[in-house]
C-alpha atoms as a PDB file:
ATOM      1  CA  MET A   1     -58.325 -11.443 -28.739  1.00  0.00           C
ATOM      2  CA  PRO A   2     -57.855 -14.801 -30.430  1.00  0.00           C
ATOM      3  CA  VAL A   3     -55.157 -17.050 -29.034  1.00  0.00           C
ATOM      4  CA  ILE A   4     -53.207 -17.047 -32.327  1.00  0.00           C
ATOM      5  CA  ALA A   5     -52.990 -13.232 -32.300  1.00  0.00           C
ATOM      6  CA  LEU A   6     -51.829 -13.283 -28.677  1.00  0.00           C
ATOM      7  CA  ILE A   7     -49.115 -15.837 -29.456  1.00  0.00           C
ATOM      8  CA  ARG A   8     -48.049 -13.809 -32.504  1.00  0.00           C
ATOM      9  CA  ASP A   9     -47.772 -10.633 -30.418  1.00  0.00           C
ATOM     10  CA  CYS A  10     -45.721 -12.460 -27.754  1.00  0.00           C
ATOM     11  CA  VAL A  11     -43.333 -13.825 -30.382  1.00  0.00           C
ATOM     12  CA  VAL A  12     -42.917 -10.379 -31.978  1.00  0.00           C
ATOM     13  CA  MET A  13     -42.215  -8.781 -28.572  1.00  0.00           C
ATOM     14  CA  SER A  14     -39.710 -11.512 -27.683  1.00  0.00           C
ATOM     15  CA  ILE A  15     -37.842 -11.013 -30.945  1.00  0.00           C
ATOM     16  CA  ALA A  16     -37.857  -7.226 -30.480  1.00  0.00           C
ATOM     17  CA  CYS A  17     -36.452  -7.531 -26.951  1.00  0.00           C
ATOM     18  CA  GLY A  18     -33.783  -9.926 -28.164  1.00  0.00           C
ATOM     19  CA  VAL A  19     -32.711  -7.518 -30.885  1.00  0.00           C
ATOM     20  CA  VAL A  20     -32.379  -4.669 -28.372  1.00  0.00           C
ATOM     21  CA  VAL A  21     -30.322  -6.795 -25.974  1.00  0.00           C
ATOM     22  CA  PHE A  22     -28.106  -8.087 -28.786  1.00  0.00           C
ATOM     23  CA  ALA A  23     -27.552  -4.560 -30.109  1.00  0.00           C
ATOM     24  CA  GLN A  24     -26.329  -3.414 -26.671  1.00  0.00           C
ATOM     25  CA  ALA A  25     -23.893  -6.289 -26.322  1.00  0.00           C
ATOM     26  CA  GLY A  26     -20.290  -6.192 -27.427  1.00  0.00           C
ATOM     27  CA  PRO A  27     -18.713  -8.486 -29.994  1.00  0.00           C
ATOM     28  CA  SER A  28     -18.384 -11.371 -27.543  1.00  0.00           C
ATOM     29  CA  GLY A  29     -21.955 -11.022 -26.318  1.00  0.00           C
ATOM     30  CA  THR A  30     -20.999  -8.897 -23.317  1.00  0.00           C
ATOM     31  CA  SER A  31     -22.238  -5.383 -22.681  1.00  0.00           C
ATOM     32  CA  ALA A  32     -19.970  -2.343 -22.777  1.00  0.00           C
ATOM     33  CA  ALA A  33     -20.397  -1.980 -18.992  1.00  0.00           C
ATOM     34  CA  GLU A  34     -19.348  -5.593 -18.442  1.00  0.00           C
ATOM     35  CA  GLN A  35     -16.291  -5.103 -20.640  1.00  0.00           C
ATOM     36  CA  GLN A  36     -15.379  -1.966 -18.664  1.00  0.00           C
ATOM     37  CA  VAL A  37     -15.655  -3.769 -15.328  1.00  0.00           C
ATOM     38  CA  ARG A  38     -13.563  -6.676 -16.613  1.00  0.00           C
ATOM     39  CA  ALA A  39     -10.920  -4.160 -17.734  1.00  0.00           C
ATOM     40  CA  VAL A  40     -10.916  -2.572 -14.256  1.00  0.00           C
ATOM     41  CA  GLU A  41     -10.497  -6.016 -12.660  1.00  0.00           C
ATOM     42  CA  ASP A  42      -7.509  -6.693 -14.952  1.00  0.00           C
ATOM     43  CA  ALA A  43      -6.039  -3.254 -14.173  1.00  0.00           C
ATOM     44  CA  TRP A  44      -6.497  -3.951 -10.451  1.00  0.00           C
ATOM     45  CA  THR A  45      -4.522  -7.194 -10.668  1.00  0.00           C
ATOM     46  CA  ALA A  46      -1.767  -5.456 -12.657  1.00  0.00           C
ATOM     47  CA  ALA A  47      -1.683  -2.592 -10.127  1.00  0.00           C
ATOM     48  CA  GLU A  48      -1.267  -5.044  -7.251  1.00  0.00           C
ATOM     49  CA  VAL A  49       1.596  -6.855  -8.999  1.00  0.00           C
ATOM     50  CA  ARG A  50       3.337  -3.519  -9.729  1.00  0.00           C
ATOM     51  CA  ALA A  51       2.365  -2.009  -6.337  1.00  0.00           C
ATOM     52  CA  ASP A  52       0.994   0.927  -8.344  1.00  0.00           C
ATOM     53  CA  LEU A  53      -0.508   3.083  -5.608  1.00  0.00           C
ATOM     54  CA  ALA A  54      -1.942   5.676  -8.009  1.00  0.00           C
ATOM     55  CA  ALA A  55      -3.839   3.004  -9.959  1.00  0.00           C
ATOM     56  CA  LEU A  56      -5.066   1.335  -6.761  1.00  0.00           C
ATOM     57  CA  ASP A  57      -6.228   4.725  -5.466  1.00  0.00           C
ATOM     58  CA  ARG A  58      -8.292   5.252  -8.659  1.00  0.00           C
ATOM     59  CA  ILE A  59      -9.795   1.744  -8.619  1.00  0.00           C
ATOM     60  CA  LEU A  60     -10.752   1.596  -4.935  1.00  0.00           C
ATOM     61  CA  ALA A  61     -13.586   3.893  -3.832  1.00  0.00           C
ATOM     62  CA  LYS A  62     -13.025   6.100  -0.792  1.00  0.00           C
ATOM     63  CA  GLU A  63     -15.349   3.848   1.243  1.00  0.00           C
ATOM     64  CA  PHE A  64     -13.733   0.612  -0.024  1.00  0.00           C
ATOM     65  CA  VAL A  65     -13.581  -2.239   2.451  1.00  0.00           C
ATOM     66  CA  ASN A  66     -12.143  -5.710   1.983  1.00  0.00           C
ATOM     67  CA  TYR A  67     -13.252  -8.678   4.055  1.00  0.00           C
ATOM     68  CA  ASN A  68     -10.310 -10.997   3.521  1.00  0.00           C
ATOM     69  CA  GLU A  69     -10.037 -14.765   3.690  1.00  0.00           C
ATOM     70  CA  GLU A  70      -9.036 -14.525   7.369  1.00  0.00           C
ATOM     71  CA  GLY A  71     -12.188 -12.575   8.214  1.00  0.00           C
ATOM     72  CA  LYS A  72     -10.323  -9.295   8.735  1.00  0.00           C
ATOM     73  CA  GLN A  73     -11.835  -5.992   7.620  1.00  0.00           C
ATOM     74  CA  ILE A  74      -9.358  -3.799   5.715  1.00  0.00           C
ATOM     75  CA  ASP A  75     -10.267  -0.357   4.390  1.00  0.00           C
ATOM     76  CA  LYS A  76      -8.793   1.605   1.477  1.00  0.00           C
ATOM     77  CA  LYS A  77      -6.291   3.513   3.611  1.00  0.00           C
ATOM     78  CA  GLN A  78      -4.987   0.276   5.142  1.00  0.00           C
ATOM     79  CA  THR A  79      -4.829  -1.421   1.739  1.00  0.00           C
ATOM     80  CA  LEU A  80      -2.771   1.387   0.208  1.00  0.00           C
ATOM     81  CA  ALA A  81      -0.518   1.492   3.279  1.00  0.00           C
ATOM     82  CA  MET A  82       0.219  -2.246   3.013  1.00  0.00           C
ATOM     83  CA  PHE A  83       1.367  -1.827  -0.595  1.00  0.00           C
ATOM     84  CA  ALA A  84       3.293   1.395   0.158  1.00  0.00           C
ATOM     85  CA  ALA A  85       5.211  -0.279   2.988  1.00  0.00           C
ATOM     86  CA  ALA A  86       5.758  -3.436   0.902  1.00  0.00           C
ATOM     87  CA  GLN A  87       4.018  -5.449   3.644  1.00  0.00           C
ATOM     88  CA  LEU A  88       1.960  -7.059   0.893  1.00  0.00           C
ATOM     89  CA  HIS A  89       3.722  -8.124  -2.275  1.00  0.00           C
ATOM     90  CA  VAL A  90       1.692  -9.786  -5.013  1.00  0.00           C
ATOM     91  CA  ALA A  91       4.066 -11.583  -7.371  1.00  0.00           C
ATOM     92  CA  THR A  92       1.365 -13.111  -9.555  1.00  0.00           C
ATOM     93  CA  GLY A  93      -2.394 -12.805  -9.828  1.00  0.00           C
ATOM     94  CA  HIS A  94      -4.780 -14.601 -12.146  1.00  0.00           C
ATOM     95  CA  SER A  95      -8.570 -14.723 -12.283  1.00  0.00           C
ATOM     96  CA  GLU A  96     -10.686 -17.578 -13.606  1.00  0.00           C
ATOM     97  CA  ASP A  97     -14.401 -18.139 -14.067  1.00  0.00           C
ATOM     98  CA  MET A  98     -15.133 -14.401 -13.861  1.00  0.00           C
ATOM     99  CA  LEU A  99     -18.815 -13.563 -13.963  1.00  0.00           C
ATOM    100  CA  VAL A 100     -19.900  -9.908 -14.161  1.00  0.00           C
ATOM    101  CA  ARG A 101     -23.487  -8.866 -13.502  1.00  0.00           C
ATOM    102  CA  ILE A 102     -24.534  -5.290 -14.190  1.00  0.00           C
ATOM    103  CA  TYR A 103     -27.410  -3.655 -12.310  1.00  0.00           C
ATOM    104  CA  GLY A 104     -27.511  -0.102 -13.664  1.00  0.00           C
ATOM    105  CA  ASP A 105     -24.614   1.722 -11.992  1.00  0.00           C
ATOM    106  CA  VAL A 106     -23.708  -1.282  -9.821  1.00  0.00           C
ATOM    107  CA  ALA A 107     -21.696  -4.319 -10.886  1.00  0.00           C
ATOM    108  CA  VAL A 108     -21.205  -7.547  -8.955  1.00  0.00           C
ATOM    109  CA  VAL A 109     -18.206  -9.650  -9.928  1.00  0.00           C
ATOM    110  CA  THR A 110     -17.542 -13.205  -8.802  1.00  0.00           C
ATOM    111  CA  MET A 111     -14.432 -15.172  -9.691  1.00  0.00           C
ATOM    112  CA  ARG A 112     -11.773 -17.578  -8.640  1.00  0.00           C
ATOM    113  CA  TYR A 113      -8.506 -15.753  -7.981  1.00  0.00           C
ATOM    114  CA  LEU A 114      -5.088 -17.375  -7.773  1.00  0.00           C
ATOM    115  CA  GLN A 115      -2.210 -15.361  -6.367  1.00  0.00           C
ATOM    116  CA  SER A 116       1.295 -15.760  -5.035  1.00  0.00           C
ATOM    117  CA  GLY A 117       3.561 -13.432  -3.125  1.00  0.00           C
ATOM    118  CA  THR A 118       4.235 -12.483   0.475  1.00  0.00           C
ATOM    119  CA  ASP A 119       2.195 -10.944   3.270  1.00  0.00           C
ATOM    120  CA  GLN A 120       4.422  -9.428   5.968  1.00  0.00           C
ATOM    121  CA  GLY A 121       7.211 -11.714   4.814  1.00  0.00           C
ATOM    122  CA  ARG A 122       5.100 -14.879   4.912  1.00  0.00           C
ATOM    123  CA  PRO A 123       4.541 -16.680   1.607  1.00  0.00           C
ATOM    124  CA  ILE A 124       1.025 -16.608   0.232  1.00  0.00           C
ATOM    125  CA  ASN A 125      -0.326 -18.959  -2.387  1.00  0.00           C
ATOM    126  CA  GLY A 126      -3.929 -17.927  -2.484  1.00  0.00           C
ATOM    127  CA  ASP A 127      -6.696 -19.875  -4.130  1.00  0.00           C
ATOM    128  CA  LEU A 128      -9.694 -17.691  -3.429  1.00  0.00           C
ATOM    129  CA  ARG A 129     -13.313 -17.120  -4.366  1.00  0.00           C
ATOM    130  CA  ILE A 130     -13.805 -13.383  -4.684  1.00  0.00           C
ATOM    131  CA  MET A 131     -16.874 -11.174  -4.818  1.00  0.00           C
ATOM    132  CA  ASP A 132     -16.334  -7.527  -5.757  1.00  0.00           C
ATOM    133  CA  VAL A 133     -19.014  -4.849  -5.848  1.00  0.00           C
ATOM    134  CA  PHE A 134     -18.401  -1.844  -8.098  1.00  0.00           C
ATOM    135  CA  VAL A 135     -20.255   1.449  -8.436  1.00  0.00           C
ATOM    136  CA  ARG A 136     -20.099   3.636 -11.548  1.00  0.00           C
ATOM    137  CA  ARG A 137     -19.381   7.250 -10.601  1.00  0.00           C
ATOM    138  CA  ASP A 138     -18.509  10.073 -12.969  1.00  0.00           C
ATOM    139  CA  GLY A 139     -18.266   7.563 -15.812  1.00  0.00           C
ATOM    140  CA  ARG A 140     -15.795   5.175 -14.142  1.00  0.00           C
ATOM    141  CA  TRP A 141     -16.128   2.002 -12.123  1.00  0.00           C
ATOM    142  CA  GLN A 142     -14.758   1.851  -8.559  1.00  0.00           C
ATOM    143  CA  CYS A 143     -14.790  -1.054  -6.135  1.00  0.00           C
ATOM    144  CA  VAL A 144     -16.665  -0.364  -2.887  1.00  0.00           C
ATOM    145  CA  VAL A 145     -16.450  -3.797  -1.280  1.00  0.00           C
ATOM    146  CA  GLU A 146     -14.536  -7.030  -1.768  1.00  0.00           C
ATOM    147  CA  GLN A 147     -15.041 -10.325   0.013  1.00  0.00           C
ATOM    148  CA  ALA A 148     -12.573 -13.219  -0.263  1.00  0.00           C
ATOM    149  CA  THR A 149     -13.060 -16.828   0.772  1.00  0.00           C
ATOM    150  CA  LYS A 150     -10.247 -19.369   0.780  1.00  0.00           C
ATOM    151  CA  VAL A 151     -10.887 -22.389  -1.452  1.00  0.00           C
ATOM    152  CA  PRO A 152     -10.223 -25.552   0.576  1.00  0.00           C
ATOM    153  CA  ARG A 153      -7.454 -27.766  -0.754  1.00  0.00           C
END
């Protein structure tokens, strides 16, 4: 096959792949799955601020585990209990620099997360790097693991 024909075929395939990817992306260049995961992240923050146990129960998978900025491992049951007992009160939460990567039915989210509130009566002013891993089950995204690292001041 002549080199020119090979180059032509490569260019045509590249354009075709680009069209398929663009067609699957939303209006801002993000996929529908990415938009869904971002919406779940926003709902999660809102649920923490409102201490909405029903919403948190839907968002966190049964096997959810959080490795917090202090290195403690906290499962779903413990997380819900902290909010139910008002041991953890999130007054404000805000994410920045969110990056969502979709791998089929798995999503990995990284972000900077700023929060304020109280933890067992002690003030918290968190500036954290977060990594969340979501799994899509029965058409909805649930978080299975979260890892938080404190950003040094």
